[in-house]
Amino acid sequence: MANRPVHFIWLLDCSYSMQGEKIARLNYAIREAVPEMRSVAHDNPAAQLLLRTVTFSTTATWHHQTPVPVDDFAWQDVEVDGMTNLGEALHLVSRELQSPPMPQRALKPVLALVSDGVPTDDWKAGLKAIDATPWGRKAVRVAIAIGHDADRSVLQEFLANPELQPLDANSPKQLAAAIRWASTAAVKAASQPVAGSGDPLAKQPFAPPVLDDDDDDDVW
C-alpha cells in the first residue's frame, strides 16, 4: 500500500532578538537534526515525511514553500530581520491546512513553533485560523521557548493541550536537545494512526538536559 504523507512545518522566529548566537545555533541544530528525521522516517515506511519552513519577523514568508521529502531536504540557513509577527505566520500556515491543498489521505501534520520573544501582531487571530482548519485541529504541535524572555503563555496556547508544556531552551545545548526531540518524537507521533482520545505526545515526556555548574555552555 502506498505510504501516506506527514507534513512537518517549522515556524521559526527570526526577529532581531534572535540575532547572534541564537540564530546561529538554531540553524546548526536544525541542520544536524535532519539526518535523525530521515532515520525516523525510514523506521516508519508507511509514512512519507515532507518538510517545510515558515519564518516570521516583520513579515512572515515561506523559507521552504514546496513540501520536500526528507531524503531530498537540504537546510538553508535563516537570518534575522525586524519584529515578531507570529500571527501572520499562523495565517500563512492555516491556508496549507485546508483540504485541498492538504490531501485527505495524509497523516496528522506536525507544527513546530520556535520563538524567543513576544508576538508583535494579532497572533490570536492567526491561532484561530489554524484551529478553524480540519488539519490544524488534528496536528501534532510542539513549541520551543528560547531563553527566559520567550512568552510561554503564547506557546502554551499554541499547543492547545494542558498536558503538554513548551520545551525550555535556555542555552545552546538545551536548544539542540529540544530541536532533536521535536524533530523525532513529533514525527513518530504523527506517523502512527492513533484511535481513540488522547495526544500521543502527552505520553512521551521530554526532559531537557540539566547543565552542570561547571558546564561552559552559555546560558541565554
Protein backbone atom coordinates (compact mmCIF):
# COMPACT_ATOMS: atom_id res chain seq x y z
CA MET A 1 0.00 0.00 0.00
CA ALA A 2 1.29 3.46 -0.87
CA ASN A 3 2.64 5.46 2.04
CA ARG A 4 0.76 8.44 3.46
CA PRO A 5 2.25 11.93 3.75
CA VAL A 6 3.23 13.56 7.04
CA HIS A 7 3.69 17.31 6.55
CA PHE A 8 6.20 18.76 9.05
CA ILE A 9 6.19 22.58 9.19
CA TRP A 10 8.73 24.61 11.16
CA LEU A 11 7.57 28.08 12.30
CA LEU A 12 10.74 29.96 13.19
CA ASP A 13 11.07 33.30 14.98
CA CYS A 14 13.64 35.33 13.03
CA SER A 15 13.15 38.67 14.79
CA TYR A 16 16.11 40.86 15.77
CA SER A 17 16.13 39.40 19.27
CA MET A 18 17.32 36.15 17.68
CA GLN A 19 20.45 37.71 16.22
CA GLY A 20 23.90 36.43 17.01
CA GLU A 21 24.40 33.09 18.70
CA LYS A 22 20.68 32.23 18.93
CA ILE A 23 20.07 32.22 15.18
CA ALA A 24 23.42 30.55 14.52
CA ARG A 25 22.63 27.77 16.99
CA LEU A 26 19.10 27.38 15.61
CA ASN A 27 20.43 26.90 12.09
CA TYR A 28 23.03 24.43 13.33
CA ALA A 29 20.52 22.46 15.43
CA ILE A 30 18.01 22.02 12.61
CA ARG A 31 20.72 21.11 10.11
CA GLU A 32 22.05 18.47 12.47
CA ALA A 33 18.54 17.14 13.21
CA VAL A 34 17.66 16.42 9.57
CA PRO A 35 19.59 13.10 9.43
CA GLU A 36 17.76 11.98 12.57
CA MET A 37 14.45 12.86 10.92
CA ARG A 38 15.48 10.72 7.94
CA SER A 39 16.18 7.83 10.29
CA VAL A 40 12.76 8.14 11.92
CA ALA A 41 11.11 8.32 8.51
CA HIS A 42 12.91 5.17 7.38
CA ASP A 43 11.67 3.41 10.52
CA ASN A 44 8.09 4.33 9.55
CA PRO A 45 7.89 3.27 5.89
CA ALA A 46 4.10 3.66 5.81
CA ALA A 47 4.58 7.43 6.16
CA GLN A 48 6.23 9.86 3.76
CA LEU A 49 7.83 12.74 5.69
CA LEU A 50 7.63 16.12 3.90
CA LEU A 51 9.34 19.23 5.31
CA ARG A 52 8.59 22.94 5.03
CA THR A 53 9.64 26.10 6.88
CA VAL A 54 7.97 29.43 7.63
CA THR A 55 9.99 32.30 9.08
CA PHE A 56 8.43 35.28 10.81
CA SER A 57 9.87 38.68 11.63
CA THR A 58 8.42 41.97 10.29
CA THR A 59 6.66 39.75 7.75
CA ALA A 60 6.04 36.02 7.51
CA THR A 61 7.37 34.15 4.49
CA TRP A 62 7.85 30.61 3.29
CA HIS A 63 11.54 29.73 3.59
CA HIS A 64 10.75 26.33 2.04
CA GLN A 65 7.28 26.59 0.49
CA THR A 66 7.05 23.39 -1.50
CA PRO A 67 6.88 20.23 0.65
CA VAL A 68 10.22 18.44 0.27
CA PRO A 69 10.71 14.72 1.01
CA VAL A 70 13.07 14.40 3.96
CA ASP A 71 15.60 12.41 1.89
CA ASP A 72 15.90 15.37 -0.50
CA PHE A 73 15.76 18.13 2.09
CA ALA A 74 18.78 20.44 2.43
CA TRP A 75 18.62 23.05 5.19
CA GLN A 76 19.12 26.67 4.11
CA ASP A 77 20.14 28.98 6.95
CA VAL A 78 17.64 31.59 8.10
CA GLU A 79 18.55 35.17 9.01
CA VAL A 80 17.12 37.75 11.41
CA ASP A 81 15.07 40.80 10.43
CA GLY A 82 12.68 43.01 12.37
CA MET A 83 9.63 42.30 14.53
CA THR A 84 7.82 39.12 15.69
CA ASN A 85 4.72 38.73 13.51
CA LEU A 86 3.65 35.28 14.64
CA GLY A 87 0.01 35.85 13.72
CA GLU A 88 0.90 36.39 10.09
CA ALA A 89 2.90 33.15 10.10
CA LEU A 90 -0.03 31.22 11.57
CA HIS A 91 -2.37 32.63 8.91
CA LEU A 92 0.13 31.56 6.24
CA VAL A 93 0.24 28.02 7.57
CA SER A 94 -3.54 27.83 8.06
CA ARG A 95 -4.07 28.14 4.31
CA GLU A 96 -1.98 25.00 3.82
CA LEU A 97 -4.06 23.06 6.35
CA GLN A 98 -7.21 23.11 4.24
CA SER A 99 -8.27 20.15 2.09
CA PRO A 100 -7.08 20.88 -0.56
CA PRO A 101 -4.16 21.58 -0.63
CA MET A 102 -3.68 19.05 2.20
CA PRO A 103 -4.57 15.62 0.80
CA GLN A 104 -7.40 13.76 2.51
CA ARG A 105 -5.27 10.64 2.96
CA ALA A 106 -2.50 12.46 4.86
CA LEU A 107 -1.47 11.56 8.38
CA LYS A 108 -1.50 14.24 11.08
CA PRO A 109 0.73 17.21 10.22
CA VAL A 110 3.38 18.45 12.65
CA LEU A 111 3.57 22.14 13.58
CA ALA A 112 6.81 23.04 15.39
CA LEU A 113 6.97 26.62 16.72
CA VAL A 114 10.28 28.12 17.90
CA SER A 115 10.36 31.62 19.46
CA ASP A 116 12.40 33.71 21.88
CA GLY A 117 10.11 36.68 22.43
CA VAL A 118 6.65 38.22 22.46
CA PRO A 119 4.49 38.42 19.28
CA THR A 120 4.06 41.92 17.87
CA ASP A 121 0.88 41.34 15.86
CA ASP A 122 -2.55 39.74 16.38
CA TRP A 123 -1.29 36.21 16.99
CA LYS A 124 -4.61 35.07 18.49
CA ALA A 125 -6.37 35.67 15.18
CA GLY A 126 -3.71 33.57 13.48
CA LEU A 127 -4.15 30.79 16.03
CA LYS A 128 -7.92 30.85 15.49
CA ALA A 129 -7.28 30.45 11.77
CA ILE A 130 -5.17 27.34 12.49
CA ASP A 131 -7.80 25.91 14.84
CA ALA A 132 -10.55 26.52 12.29
CA THR A 133 -8.99 24.11 9.80
CA PRO A 134 -9.57 20.35 9.99
CA TRP A 135 -5.86 19.56 9.78
CA GLY A 136 -4.95 22.31 12.24
CA ARG A 137 -7.15 20.69 14.89
CA LYS A 138 -5.57 17.27 14.23
CA ALA A 139 -1.97 18.50 14.11
CA VAL A 140 0.76 17.31 16.44
CA ARG A 141 2.11 20.54 17.94
CA VAL A 142 5.39 21.26 19.68
CA ALA A 143 6.75 24.59 20.92
CA ILE A 144 10.26 25.59 21.93
CA ALA A 145 10.90 28.66 24.10
CA ILE A 146 14.39 30.09 23.51
CA GLY A 147 15.65 31.99 26.54
CA HIS A 148 13.87 33.36 29.58
CA ASP A 149 12.20 36.22 27.66
CA ALA A 150 10.06 33.94 25.49
CA ASP A 151 6.31 34.32 26.10
CA ARG A 152 5.48 30.86 27.41
CA SER A 153 1.77 31.68 27.67
CA VAL A 154 1.61 32.19 23.90
CA LEU A 155 3.45 28.93 23.26
CA GLN A 156 1.15 27.14 25.72
CA GLU A 157 -1.95 28.36 23.86
CA PHE A 158 -0.40 27.27 20.58
CA LEU A 159 -0.01 23.73 21.97
CA ALA A 160 -3.77 23.61 22.74
CA ASN A 161 -3.20 20.80 25.24
CA PRO A 162 -2.94 21.42 29.01
CA GLU A 163 -0.97 18.17 29.41
CA LEU A 164 1.87 19.50 27.25
CA GLN A 165 4.40 22.21 28.06
CA PRO A 166 6.69 24.28 25.83
CA LEU A 167 10.24 22.97 25.78
CA ASP A 168 12.70 25.30 27.51
CA ALA A 169 15.89 26.09 25.62
CA ASN A 170 17.83 28.41 27.92
CA SER A 171 21.23 27.54 26.47
CA PRO A 172 22.68 26.37 23.16
CA LYS A 173 22.90 22.80 24.48
CA GLN A 174 19.24 22.77 25.52
CA LEU A 175 18.21 24.22 22.15
CA ALA A 176 19.99 21.41 20.32
CA ALA A 177 18.28 18.82 22.56
CA ALA A 178 14.86 20.43 22.07
CA ILE A 179 15.24 20.55 18.29
CA ARG A 180 16.26 16.88 18.19
CA TRP A 181 13.25 15.91 20.29
CA ALA A 182 10.81 17.98 18.25
CA SER A 183 12.24 16.58 15.04
CA THR A 184 11.94 12.94 16.04
CA ALA A 185 9.29 12.39 18.71
CA ALA A 186 6.74 14.52 16.87
CA VAL A 187 7.34 12.67 13.61
CA LYS A 188 6.93 9.32 15.37
CA ALA A 189 3.64 10.50 16.89
CA ALA A 190 2.31 11.84 13.60
CA SER A 191 3.34 8.74 11.66
CA GLN A 192 1.16 6.42 13.75
CA PRO A 193 -2.59 6.41 13.15
CA VAL A 194 -3.96 6.57 16.70
CA ALA A 195 -7.50 5.54 17.51
CA GLY A 196 -9.39 7.00 20.42
CA SER A 197 -8.75 10.05 22.51
CA GLY A 198 -5.54 11.47 23.83
CA ASP A 199 -2.48 13.04 22.25
CA PRO A 200 0.38 10.58 21.70
CA LEU A 201 2.87 13.30 22.55
CA ALA A 202 1.38 13.59 26.03
CA LYS A 203 2.72 10.11 26.71
CA GLN A 204 6.24 10.97 25.57
CA PRO A 205 7.68 13.29 28.22
CA PHE A 206 10.67 15.41 27.33
CA ALA A 207 13.38 16.04 29.91
CA PRO A 208 15.57 19.00 28.87
CA PRO A 209 19.24 18.47 29.69
CA VAL A 210 20.37 19.66 33.11
CA LEU A 211 23.64 21.54 32.81
CA ASP A 212 26.30 21.10 35.47
CA ASP A 213 27.55 24.16 37.32
CA ASP A 214 30.92 23.80 35.62
CA ASP A 215 29.43 23.45 32.13
CA ASP A 216 30.97 26.03 29.83
CA ASP A 217 27.84 26.20 27.68
CA ASP A 218 26.49 29.77 27.87
CA VAL A 219 23.02 30.48 29.22
CA TRP A 220 20.83 32.95 27.31
